[in-house]
């Protein structure tokens, strides 16, 4: 009996096609996750050349770390502000640009263009604009208002970081919302208008339900992205003033690469992974309550 039957050859071809993806996931996802878990059980001093197994001491330190709690609060504020402002602005722009008006193509390009700009370059420009003598305060001065030192006040620093991130990435969600809006049948709006439904009612009862899958997608993308923000914090505020903008990923950076506590940094990485996974799972489970056709 021939070993290389048609079925086995067909299976081998299939395995060869999926092998690159499987090897990539193994090399760049599963093995690094396992190594981070192992490092979190050790104290690794790179400068001293020591690597000592300490069990769950890093996790016990995690529970007692007051600065970690402060970074979690800052992360929550940043994620909430980014989520609300980003999705609201993106949806508003998408609704406006979905109208049949002249010049909408130009405005779509203008609003999406920040997404294509280098993140560090974008942040450096905003850093100059937000200085006490920068263009933002200069613009406020034209109206007789004295602008604050945006990056040195605890509240204004967080607001500044959120706004910089919103303006940078709102265009991406705008494009996703715009694609969803263009898929809503015009006949539904016409029928609702004949029945006497006003613009706000049509938006709440027709538009929102029909684009709810896209709202779910953009909310997951935005919340996961908000938990991974680093360059904006590093360039604009370095976590200050105090710890007001020290979000979790920046606190991880400080512990691992500034203080050389690589074992504790790995433990914070595990915490970050758990938070991202939990929030994504929660949003995915809650989709049955408000996403159309998911009940």
C-alpha atoms as a PDB file:
ATOM      1  CA  UNK A   1       0.000   0.000   0.000  1.00  0.00           C
ATOM      2  CA  UNK A   2       1.419   3.407  -0.986  1.00  0.00           C
ATOM      3  CA  UNK A   3       2.289   5.617   1.997  1.00  0.00           C
ATOM      4  CA  UNK A   4       1.919   8.932   0.187  1.00  0.00           C
ATOM      5  CA  UNK A   5      -1.767   8.715  -0.553  1.00  0.00           C
ATOM      6  CA  UNK A   6      -3.662  11.596  -2.054  1.00  0.00           C
ATOM      7  CA  UNK A   7      -5.185  12.430   1.338  1.00  0.00           C
ATOM      8  CA  UNK A   8      -1.803  12.535   3.113  1.00  0.00           C
ATOM      9  CA  UNK A   9      -0.276  14.662   0.378  1.00  0.00           C
ATOM     10  CA  UNK A  10      -3.246  17.022   0.623  1.00  0.00           C
ATOM     11  CA  UNK A  11      -2.849  17.239   4.417  1.00  0.00           C
ATOM     12  CA  UNK A  12       0.878  17.903   4.077  1.00  0.00           C
ATOM     13  CA  UNK A  13       0.231  20.791   1.702  1.00  0.00           C
ATOM     14  CA  UNK A  14      -2.226  22.261   4.192  1.00  0.00           C
ATOM     15  CA  UNK A  15       0.268  21.941   7.057  1.00  0.00           C
ATOM     16  CA  UNK A  16       2.977  23.619   4.969  1.00  0.00           C
ATOM     17  CA  UNK A  17       0.673  26.543   4.228  1.00  0.00           C
ATOM     18  CA  UNK A  18      -0.160  27.156   7.908  1.00  0.00           C
ATOM     19  CA  UNK A  19       3.371  26.389   9.165  1.00  0.00           C
ATOM     20  CA  UNK A  20       4.731  29.971   8.756  1.00  0.00           C
ATOM     21  CA  UNK A  21       1.847  31.429  10.770  1.00  0.00           C
ATOM     22  CA  UNK A  22       2.126  28.740  13.439  1.00  0.00           C
ATOM     23  CA  UNK A  23       5.907  29.124  13.704  1.00  0.00           C
ATOM     24  CA  UNK A  24       5.531  32.916  13.892  1.00  0.00           C
ATOM     25  CA  UNK A  25       2.938  32.631  16.675  1.00  0.00           C
ATOM     26  CA  UNK A  26       5.150  30.160  18.515  1.00  0.00           C
ATOM     27  CA  UNK A  27       8.346  32.225  18.176  1.00  0.00           C
ATOM     28  CA  UNK A  28       6.904  35.700  18.746  1.00  0.00           C
ATOM     29  CA  UNK A  29       3.850  35.106  20.969  1.00  0.00           C
ATOM     30  CA  UNK A  30       3.759  31.832  22.907  1.00  0.00           C
ATOM     31  CA  UNK A  31       7.465  31.465  23.741  1.00  0.00           C
ATOM     32  CA  UNK A  32       7.840  35.159  24.798  1.00  0.00           C
ATOM     33  CA  UNK A  33       4.724  34.832  26.983  1.00  0.00           C
ATOM     34  CA  UNK A  34       6.200  31.768  28.638  1.00  0.00           C
ATOM     35  CA  UNK A  35       9.535  33.519  29.171  1.00  0.00           C
ATOM     36  CA  UNK A  36       7.841  36.576  30.733  1.00  0.00           C
ATOM     37  CA  UNK A  37       5.994  34.259  33.109  1.00  0.00           C
ATOM     38  CA  UNK A  38       9.293  32.593  34.056  1.00  0.00           C
ATOM     39  CA  UNK A  39      11.136  35.896  34.498  1.00  0.00           C
ATOM     40  CA  UNK A  40       8.373  37.111  36.823  1.00  0.00           C
ATOM     41  CA  UNK A  41       9.337  34.317  39.235  1.00  0.00           C
ATOM     42  CA  UNK A  42      12.953  35.455  39.328  1.00  0.00           C
ATOM     43  CA  UNK A  43      15.011  38.487  40.302  1.00  0.00           C
ATOM     44  CA  UNK A  44      17.228  39.320  37.336  1.00  0.00           C
ATOM     45  CA  UNK A  45      19.931  41.912  37.851  1.00  0.00           C
ATOM     46  CA  UNK A  46      21.517  42.519  34.465  1.00  0.00           C
ATOM     47  CA  UNK A  47      24.175  44.890  35.798  1.00  0.00           C
ATOM     48  CA  UNK A  48      25.153  42.522  38.584  1.00  0.00           C
ATOM     49  CA  UNK A  49      24.899  39.443  36.370  1.00  0.00           C
ATOM     50  CA  UNK A  50      22.626  37.590  38.836  1.00  0.00           C
ATOM     51  CA  UNK A  51      19.509  35.552  38.132  1.00  0.00           C
ATOM     52  CA  UNK A  52      17.843  34.226  41.284  1.00  0.00           C
ATOM     53  CA  UNK A  53      14.611  32.273  41.633  1.00  0.00           C
ATOM     54  CA  UNK A  54      12.379  33.990  44.220  1.00  0.00           C
ATOM     55  CA  UNK A  55       9.014  32.333  43.593  1.00  0.00           C
ATOM     56  CA  UNK A  56       6.002  34.576  44.124  1.00  0.00           C
ATOM     57  CA  UNK A  57       7.843  37.455  45.828  1.00  0.00           C
ATOM     58  CA  UNK A  58       7.364  39.738  42.834  1.00  0.00           C
ATOM     59  CA  UNK A  59       3.605  39.085  42.892  1.00  0.00           C
ATOM     60  CA  UNK A  60       3.501  39.825  46.631  1.00  0.00           C
ATOM     61  CA  UNK A  61       5.348  43.060  45.939  1.00  0.00           C
ATOM     62  CA  UNK A  62       2.817  43.809  43.209  1.00  0.00           C
ATOM     63  CA  UNK A  63      -0.066  43.643  45.682  1.00  0.00           C
ATOM     64  CA  UNK A  64       1.683  45.998  48.135  1.00  0.00           C
ATOM     65  CA  UNK A  65       3.014  48.522  45.598  1.00  0.00           C
ATOM     66  CA  UNK A  66       1.372  51.904  46.215  1.00  0.00           C
ATOM     67  CA  UNK A  67       2.890  53.447  43.084  1.00  0.00           C
ATOM     68  CA  UNK A  68       1.400  50.625  41.025  1.00  0.00           C
ATOM     69  CA  UNK A  69      -2.038  51.604  42.301  1.00  0.00           C
ATOM     70  CA  UNK A  70      -1.365  55.193  41.267  1.00  0.00           C
ATOM     71  CA  UNK A  71      -0.323  54.035  37.788  1.00  0.00           C
ATOM     72  CA  UNK A  72      -3.516  51.951  37.512  1.00  0.00           C
ATOM     73  CA  UNK A  73      -5.596  55.037  38.380  1.00  0.00           C
ATOM     74  CA  UNK A  74      -3.728  57.093  35.773  1.00  0.00           C
ATOM     75  CA  UNK A  75      -4.227  54.290  33.242  1.00  0.00           C
ATOM     76  CA  UNK A  76      -7.959  54.191  33.983  1.00  0.00           C
ATOM     77  CA  UNK A  77      -8.287  57.960  33.502  1.00  0.00           C
ATOM     78  CA  UNK A  78      -6.318  57.872  30.271  1.00  0.00           C
ATOM     79  CA  UNK A  79      -8.214  54.881  28.860  1.00  0.00           C
ATOM     80  CA  UNK A  80     -11.610  56.357  29.761  1.00  0.00           C
ATOM     81  CA  UNK A  81     -10.814  59.768  28.305  1.00  0.00           C
ATOM     82  CA  UNK A  82      -9.363  58.287  25.135  1.00  0.00           C
ATOM     83  CA  UNK A  83     -12.270  55.879  24.679  1.00  0.00           C
ATOM     84  CA  UNK A  84     -14.976  58.530  25.070  1.00  0.00           C
ATOM     85  CA  UNK A  85     -13.313  61.321  23.079  1.00  0.00           C
ATOM     86  CA  UNK A  86     -11.880  59.146  20.311  1.00  0.00           C
ATOM     87  CA  UNK A  87     -15.073  57.238  19.523  1.00  0.00           C
ATOM     88  CA  UNK A  88     -17.284  60.323  19.873  1.00  0.00           C
ATOM     89  CA  UNK A  89     -15.113  62.469  17.612  1.00  0.00           C
ATOM     90  CA  UNK A  90     -14.615  59.683  15.068  1.00  0.00           C
ATOM     91  CA  UNK A  91     -18.350  58.974  14.853  1.00  0.00           C
ATOM     92  CA  UNK A  92     -19.193  62.685  14.577  1.00  0.00           C
ATOM     93  CA  UNK A  93     -16.691  63.174  11.748  1.00  0.00           C
ATOM     94  CA  UNK A  94     -17.918  60.042   9.972  1.00  0.00           C
ATOM     95  CA  UNK A  95     -21.555  61.214  10.122  1.00  0.00           C
ATOM     96  CA  UNK A  96     -20.610  64.652   8.792  1.00  0.00           C
ATOM     97  CA  UNK A  97     -18.421  63.254   6.011  1.00  0.00           C
ATOM     98  CA  UNK A  98     -21.102  60.758   5.006  1.00  0.00           C
ATOM     99  CA  UNK A  99     -23.237  63.632   3.719  1.00  0.00           C
ATOM    100  CA  UNK A 100     -23.350  64.288  -0.003  1.00  0.00           C
ATOM    101  CA  UNK A 101     -21.536  67.612   0.077  1.00  0.00           C
ATOM    102  CA  UNK A 102     -18.737  69.131  -1.955  1.00  0.00           C
ATOM    103  CA  UNK A 103     -15.221  68.789  -0.557  1.00  0.00           C
ATOM    104  CA  UNK A 104     -15.877  65.743   1.631  1.00  0.00           C
ATOM    105  CA  UNK A 105     -13.057  63.811  -0.046  1.00  0.00           C
ATOM    106  CA  UNK A 106     -10.596  66.561   0.856  1.00  0.00           C
ATOM    107  CA  UNK A 107     -11.745  66.620   4.472  1.00  0.00           C
ATOM    108  CA  UNK A 108     -11.564  62.824   4.720  1.00  0.00           C
ATOM    109  CA  UNK A 109      -7.935  63.034   3.636  1.00  0.00           C
ATOM    110  CA  UNK A 110      -7.172  65.851   6.080  1.00  0.00           C
ATOM    111  CA  UNK A 111      -8.732  64.061   9.059  1.00  0.00           C
ATOM    112  CA  UNK A 112      -7.057  60.749   8.231  1.00  0.00           C
ATOM    113  CA  UNK A 113      -3.593  62.187   7.501  1.00  0.00           C
ATOM    114  CA  UNK A 114      -2.451  62.330  11.187  1.00  0.00           C
ATOM    115  CA  UNK A 115      -2.715  58.530  11.315  1.00  0.00           C
ATOM    116  CA  UNK A 116       0.071  58.326   8.718  1.00  0.00           C
ATOM    117  CA  UNK A 117       2.439  60.696  10.540  1.00  0.00           C
ATOM    118  CA  UNK A 118       5.284  59.233  12.617  1.00  0.00           C
ATOM    119  CA  UNK A 119       4.153  58.946  16.241  1.00  0.00           C
ATOM    120  CA  UNK A 120       7.351  60.416  17.695  1.00  0.00           C
ATOM    121  CA  UNK A 121       7.404  63.303  15.201  1.00  0.00           C
ATOM    122  CA  UNK A 122       3.742  64.037  15.920  1.00  0.00           C
ATOM    123  CA  UNK A 123       4.356  64.035  19.672  1.00  0.00           C
ATOM    124  CA  UNK A 124       7.443  66.266  19.411  1.00  0.00           C
ATOM    125  CA  UNK A 125       5.482  68.868  17.453  1.00  0.00           C
ATOM    126  CA  UNK A 126       2.711  68.839  20.076  1.00  0.00           C
ATOM    127  CA  UNK A 127       5.311  69.136  22.830  1.00  0.00           C
ATOM    128  CA  UNK A 128       6.459  72.426  21.300  1.00  0.00           C
ATOM    129  CA  UNK A 129       2.876  73.604  20.792  1.00  0.00           C
ATOM    130  CA  UNK A 130       1.963  72.922  24.444  1.00  0.00           C
ATOM    131  CA  UNK A 131       4.877  74.850  25.950  1.00  0.00           C
ATOM    132  CA  UNK A 132       4.009  78.015  27.967  1.00  0.00           C
ATOM    133  CA  UNK A 133       5.105  80.145  25.000  1.00  0.00           C
ATOM    134  CA  UNK A 134       3.812  77.673  22.418  1.00  0.00           C
ATOM    135  CA  UNK A 135       1.220  78.113  19.709  1.00  0.00           C
ATOM    136  CA  UNK A 136      -1.686  76.779  21.803  1.00  0.00           C
ATOM    137  CA  UNK A 137      -1.263  79.480  24.446  1.00  0.00           C
ATOM    138  CA  UNK A 138      -0.522  81.973  21.689  1.00  0.00           C
ATOM    139  CA  UNK A 139      -3.897  81.173  20.118  1.00  0.00           C
ATOM    140  CA  UNK A 140      -5.628  81.540  23.484  1.00  0.00           C
ATOM    141  CA  UNK A 141      -3.856  84.884  23.921  1.00  0.00           C
ATOM    142  CA  UNK A 142      -5.566  86.223  20.795  1.00  0.00           C
ATOM    143  CA  UNK A 143      -8.853  85.882  22.666  1.00  0.00           C
ATOM    144  CA  UNK A 144      -7.481  87.460  25.835  1.00  0.00           C
ATOM    145  CA  UNK A 145      -7.034  84.190  27.756  1.00  0.00           C
ATOM    146  CA  UNK A 146      -3.890  83.117  29.585  1.00  0.00           C
ATOM    147  CA  UNK A 147      -3.129  79.478  28.880  1.00  0.00           C
ATOM    148  CA  UNK A 148      -1.692  77.229  31.605  1.00  0.00           C
ATOM    149  CA  UNK A 149       1.565  75.300  31.560  1.00  0.00           C
ATOM    150  CA  UNK A 150      -0.169  72.339  29.940  1.00  0.00           C
ATOM    151  CA  UNK A 151       2.468  69.692  30.604  1.00  0.00           C
ATOM    152  CA  UNK A 152       3.259  70.704  34.202  1.00  0.00           C
ATOM    153  CA  UNK A 153      -0.188  70.623  35.795  1.00  0.00           C
ATOM    154  CA  UNK A 154      -1.483  67.262  37.019  1.00  0.00           C
ATOM    155  CA  UNK A 155      -4.901  67.663  35.372  1.00  0.00           C
ATOM    156  CA  UNK A 156      -3.796  69.537  32.265  1.00  0.00           C
ATOM    157  CA  UNK A 157      -0.949  67.078  31.624  1.00  0.00           C
ATOM    158  CA  UNK A 158      -3.336  64.130  31.452  1.00  0.00           C
ATOM    159  CA  UNK A 159      -5.791  66.117  29.325  1.00  0.00           C
ATOM    160  CA  UNK A 160      -2.957  67.097  26.969  1.00  0.00           C
ATOM    161  CA  UNK A 161      -1.758  63.523  26.511  1.00  0.00           C
ATOM    162  CA  UNK A 162      -5.314  62.324  25.832  1.00  0.00           C
ATOM    163  CA  UNK A 163      -5.999  65.082  23.296  1.00  0.00           C
ATOM    164  CA  UNK A 164      -2.723  64.445  21.454  1.00  0.00           C
ATOM    165  CA  UNK A 165      -3.608  60.764  21.146  1.00  0.00           C
ATOM    166  CA  UNK A 166      -7.217  61.465  20.123  1.00  0.00           C
ATOM    167  CA  UNK A 167      -6.256  63.867  17.334  1.00  0.00           C
ATOM    168  CA  UNK A 168      -3.604  61.412  16.139  1.00  0.00           C
ATOM    169  CA  UNK A 169      -5.815  58.317  15.865  1.00  0.00           C
ATOM    170  CA  UNK A 170      -9.418  59.506  15.528  1.00  0.00           C
ATOM    171  CA  UNK A 171      -9.047  59.360  11.748  1.00  0.00           C
ATOM    172  CA  UNK A 172      -8.615  55.583  11.812  1.00  0.00           C
ATOM    173  CA  UNK A 173     -11.872  54.984  13.656  1.00  0.00           C
ATOM    174  CA  UNK A 174     -13.499  57.629  11.453  1.00  0.00           C
ATOM    175  CA  UNK A 175     -12.720  55.575   8.347  1.00  0.00           C
ATOM    176  CA  UNK A 176     -14.145  52.439   9.970  1.00  0.00           C
ATOM    177  CA  UNK A 177     -17.332  54.258  10.995  1.00  0.00           C
ATOM    178  CA  UNK A 178     -17.630  55.828   7.553  1.00  0.00           C
ATOM    179  CA  UNK A 179     -17.457  52.422   5.881  1.00  0.00           C
ATOM    180  CA  UNK A 180     -20.160  51.135   8.246  1.00  0.00           C
ATOM    181  CA  UNK A 181     -22.407  54.158   7.629  1.00  0.00           C
ATOM    182  CA  UNK A 182     -22.182  53.701   3.877  1.00  0.00           C
ATOM    183  CA  UNK A 183     -23.460  50.151   4.341  1.00  0.00           C
ATOM    184  CA  UNK A 184     -26.709  51.290   5.998  1.00  0.00           C
ATOM    185  CA  UNK A 185     -29.566  51.023   3.428  1.00  0.00           C
ATOM    186  CA  UNK A 186     -30.993  54.418   2.499  1.00  0.00           C
ATOM    187  CA  UNK A 187     -34.450  52.856   2.224  1.00  0.00           C
ATOM    188  CA  UNK A 188     -34.569  52.472   6.017  1.00  0.00           C
ATOM    189  CA  UNK A 189     -34.044  56.196   6.519  1.00  0.00           C
ATOM    190  CA  UNK A 190     -36.668  57.005   3.896  1.00  0.00           C
ATOM    191  CA  UNK A 191     -39.226  54.707   5.515  1.00  0.00           C
ATOM    192  CA  UNK A 192     -38.528  56.151   8.964  1.00  0.00           C
ATOM    193  CA  UNK A 193     -38.812  59.693   7.622  1.00  0.00           C
ATOM    194  CA  UNK A 194     -42.197  58.911   6.093  1.00  0.00           C
ATOM    195  CA  UNK A 195     -43.311  57.560   9.491  1.00  0.00           C
ATOM    196  CA  UNK A 196     -42.401  60.902  11.068  1.00  0.00           C
ATOM    197  CA  UNK A 197     -39.082  59.984  12.709  1.00  0.00           C
ATOM    198  CA  UNK A 198     -36.770  62.949  13.195  1.00  0.00           C
ATOM    199  CA  UNK A 199     -32.987  63.005  12.556  1.00  0.00           C
ATOM    200  CA  UNK A 200     -32.089  62.137  16.176  1.00  0.00           C
ATOM    201  CA  UNK A 201     -34.579  59.258  16.287  1.00  0.00           C
ATOM    202  CA  UNK A 202     -33.308  57.896  12.982  1.00  0.00           C
ATOM    203  CA  UNK A 203     -29.753  58.080  14.308  1.00  0.00           C
ATOM    204  CA  UNK A 204     -30.554  56.254  17.559  1.00  0.00           C
ATOM    205  CA  UNK A 205     -32.965  53.662  16.157  1.00  0.00           C
ATOM    206  CA  UNK A 206     -31.391  52.937  12.765  1.00  0.00           C
ATOM    207  CA  UNK A 207     -27.798  54.151  12.535  1.00  0.00           C
ATOM    208  CA  UNK A 208     -26.476  53.060  15.931  1.00  0.00           C
ATOM    209  CA  UNK A 209     -27.927  49.504  15.837  1.00  0.00           C
ATOM    210  CA  UNK A 210     -26.751  48.856  12.286  1.00  0.00           C
ATOM    211  CA  UNK A 211     -23.192  50.074  12.926  1.00  0.00           C
ATOM    212  CA  UNK A 212     -22.969  48.462  16.382  1.00  0.00           C
ATOM    213  CA  UNK A 213     -20.571  45.716  15.151  1.00  0.00           C
ATOM    214  CA  UNK A 214     -18.166  48.467  14.051  1.00  0.00           C
ATOM    215  CA  UNK A 215     -18.620  50.251  17.385  1.00  0.00           C
ATOM    216  CA  UNK A 216     -17.607  46.999  19.098  1.00  0.00           C
ATOM    217  CA  UNK A 217     -14.531  46.652  16.867  1.00  0.00           C
ATOM    218  CA  UNK A 218     -13.385  50.246  17.363  1.00  0.00           C
ATOM    219  CA  UNK A 219     -13.981  50.094  21.121  1.00  0.00           C
ATOM    220  CA  UNK A 220     -11.797  46.979  21.433  1.00  0.00           C
ATOM    221  CA  UNK A 221      -9.057  48.521  19.264  1.00  0.00           C
ATOM    222  CA  UNK A 222      -9.170  51.783  21.222  1.00  0.00           C
ATOM    223  CA  UNK A 223      -9.177  50.290  24.720  1.00  0.00           C
ATOM    224  CA  UNK A 224      -6.323  47.891  23.919  1.00  0.00           C
ATOM    225  CA  UNK A 225      -4.357  50.724  22.314  1.00  0.00           C
ATOM    226  CA  UNK A 226      -4.931  52.961  25.346  1.00  0.00           C
ATOM    227  CA  UNK A 227      -3.303  50.359  27.582  1.00  0.00           C
ATOM    228  CA  UNK A 228      -0.203  50.233  25.379  1.00  0.00           C
ATOM    229  CA  UNK A 229       0.537  53.958  25.047  1.00  0.00           C
ATOM    230  CA  UNK A 230       4.188  54.763  25.715  1.00  0.00           C
ATOM    231  CA  UNK A 231       5.838  57.177  23.267  1.00  0.00           C
ATOM    232  CA  UNK A 232       3.445  60.041  24.038  1.00  0.00           C
ATOM    233  CA  UNK A 233       4.092  59.749  27.776  1.00  0.00           C
ATOM    234  CA  UNK A 234       7.865  59.384  27.315  1.00  0.00           C
ATOM    235  CA  UNK A 235       8.115  62.456  25.082  1.00  0.00           C
ATOM    236  CA  UNK A 236       5.501  64.777  26.601  1.00  0.00           C
ATOM    237  CA  UNK A 237       5.565  64.275  30.377  1.00  0.00           C
ATOM    238  CA  UNK A 238       7.925  61.394  31.345  1.00  0.00           C
ATOM    239  CA  UNK A 239       5.148  60.254  33.660  1.00  0.00           C
ATOM    240  CA  UNK A 240       4.890  63.577  35.493  1.00  0.00           C
ATOM    241  CA  UNK A 241       4.157  65.823  37.116  1.00  0.00           C
ATOM    242  CA  UNK A 242       4.555  63.437  40.034  1.00  0.00           C
ATOM    243  CA  UNK A 243       2.918  60.221  38.885  1.00  0.00           C
ATOM    244  CA  UNK A 244      -0.164  61.851  37.346  1.00  0.00           C
ATOM    245  CA  UNK A 245       0.558  60.502  33.844  1.00  0.00           C
ATOM    246  CA  UNK A 246       2.543  57.401  34.796  1.00  0.00           C
ATOM    247  CA  UNK A 247       0.345  54.850  33.055  1.00  0.00           C
ATOM    248  CA  UNK A 248       0.954  51.136  33.549  1.00  0.00           C
ATOM    249  CA  UNK A 249       3.120  50.578  30.480  1.00  0.00           C
ATOM    250  CA  UNK A 250       5.361  53.526  31.414  1.00  0.00           C
ATOM    251  CA  UNK A 251       5.642  52.256  35.001  1.00  0.00           C
ATOM    252  CA  UNK A 252       6.698  48.902  33.566  1.00  0.00           C
ATOM    253  CA  UNK A 253       9.378  50.680  31.520  1.00  0.00           C
ATOM    254  CA  UNK A 254      10.639  52.509  34.597  1.00  0.00           C
ATOM    255  CA  UNK A 255      10.915  49.355  36.686  1.00  0.00           C
ATOM    256  CA  UNK A 256      12.567  47.227  33.993  1.00  0.00           C
ATOM    257  CA  UNK A 257      14.792  49.648  32.084  1.00  0.00           C
ATOM    258  CA  UNK A 258      15.439  52.569  34.443  1.00  0.00           C
ATOM    259  CA  UNK A 259      15.657  50.749  37.784  1.00  0.00           C
ATOM    260  CA  UNK A 260      16.773  47.407  36.218  1.00  0.00           C
ATOM    261  CA  UNK A 261      14.184  45.362  38.128  1.00  0.00           C
ATOM    262  CA  UNK A 262      13.566  43.030  35.197  1.00  0.00           C
ATOM    263  CA  UNK A 263      11.826  40.375  37.270  1.00  0.00           C
ATOM    264  CA  UNK A 264       9.360  42.889  38.683  1.00  0.00           C
ATOM    265  CA  UNK A 265       8.932  44.433  35.239  1.00  0.00           C
ATOM    266  CA  UNK A 266       7.988  41.004  33.908  1.00  0.00           C
ATOM    267  CA  UNK A 267       5.433  40.693  36.710  1.00  0.00           C
ATOM    268  CA  UNK A 268       3.854  44.004  35.665  1.00  0.00           C
ATOM    269  CA  UNK A 269       3.794  42.657  32.094  1.00  0.00           C
ATOM    270  CA  UNK A 270       1.795  39.665  33.297  1.00  0.00           C
ATOM    271  CA  UNK A 271      -0.631  42.038  35.027  1.00  0.00           C
ATOM    272  CA  UNK A 272      -0.965  44.107  31.850  1.00  0.00           C
ATOM    273  CA  UNK A 273      -1.656  40.961  29.808  1.00  0.00           C
ATOM    274  CA  UNK A 274      -4.363  39.893  32.284  1.00  0.00           C
ATOM    275  CA  UNK A 275      -6.015  43.338  32.194  1.00  0.00           C
ATOM    276  CA  UNK A 276      -6.035  43.496  28.375  1.00  0.00           C
ATOM    277  CA  UNK A 277      -7.379  39.940  28.090  1.00  0.00           C
ATOM    278  CA  UNK A 278     -10.056  40.563  30.734  1.00  0.00           C
ATOM    279  CA  UNK A 279     -11.290  43.816  29.164  1.00  0.00           C
ATOM    280  CA  UNK A 280     -11.354  42.291  25.674  1.00  0.00           C
ATOM    281  CA  UNK A 281     -13.262  39.247  26.937  1.00  0.00           C
ATOM    282  CA  UNK A 282     -15.700  41.481  28.844  1.00  0.00           C
ATOM    283  CA  UNK A 283     -16.423  43.582  25.768  1.00  0.00           C
ATOM    284  CA  UNK A 284     -16.813  40.448  23.656  1.00  0.00           C
ATOM    285  CA  UNK A 285     -19.254  38.885  26.131  1.00  0.00           C
ATOM    286  CA  UNK A 286     -21.289  42.085  26.470  1.00  0.00           C
ATOM    287  CA  UNK A 287     -21.768  42.300  22.715  1.00  0.00           C
ATOM    288  CA  UNK A 288     -24.868  40.099  23.019  1.00  0.00           C
ATOM    289  CA  UNK A 289     -26.658  42.896  24.851  1.00  0.00           C
ATOM    290  CA  UNK A 290     -26.166  45.713  22.366  1.00  0.00           C
ATOM    291  CA  UNK A 291     -24.655  44.471  19.091  1.00  0.00           C
ATOM    292  CA  UNK A 292     -27.259  43.798  16.404  1.00  0.00           C
ATOM    293  CA  UNK A 293     -27.754  40.127  15.399  1.00  0.00           C
ATOM    294  CA  UNK A 294     -25.486  38.930  18.243  1.00  0.00           C
ATOM    295  CA  UNK A 295     -28.222  37.916  20.674  1.00  0.00           C
END
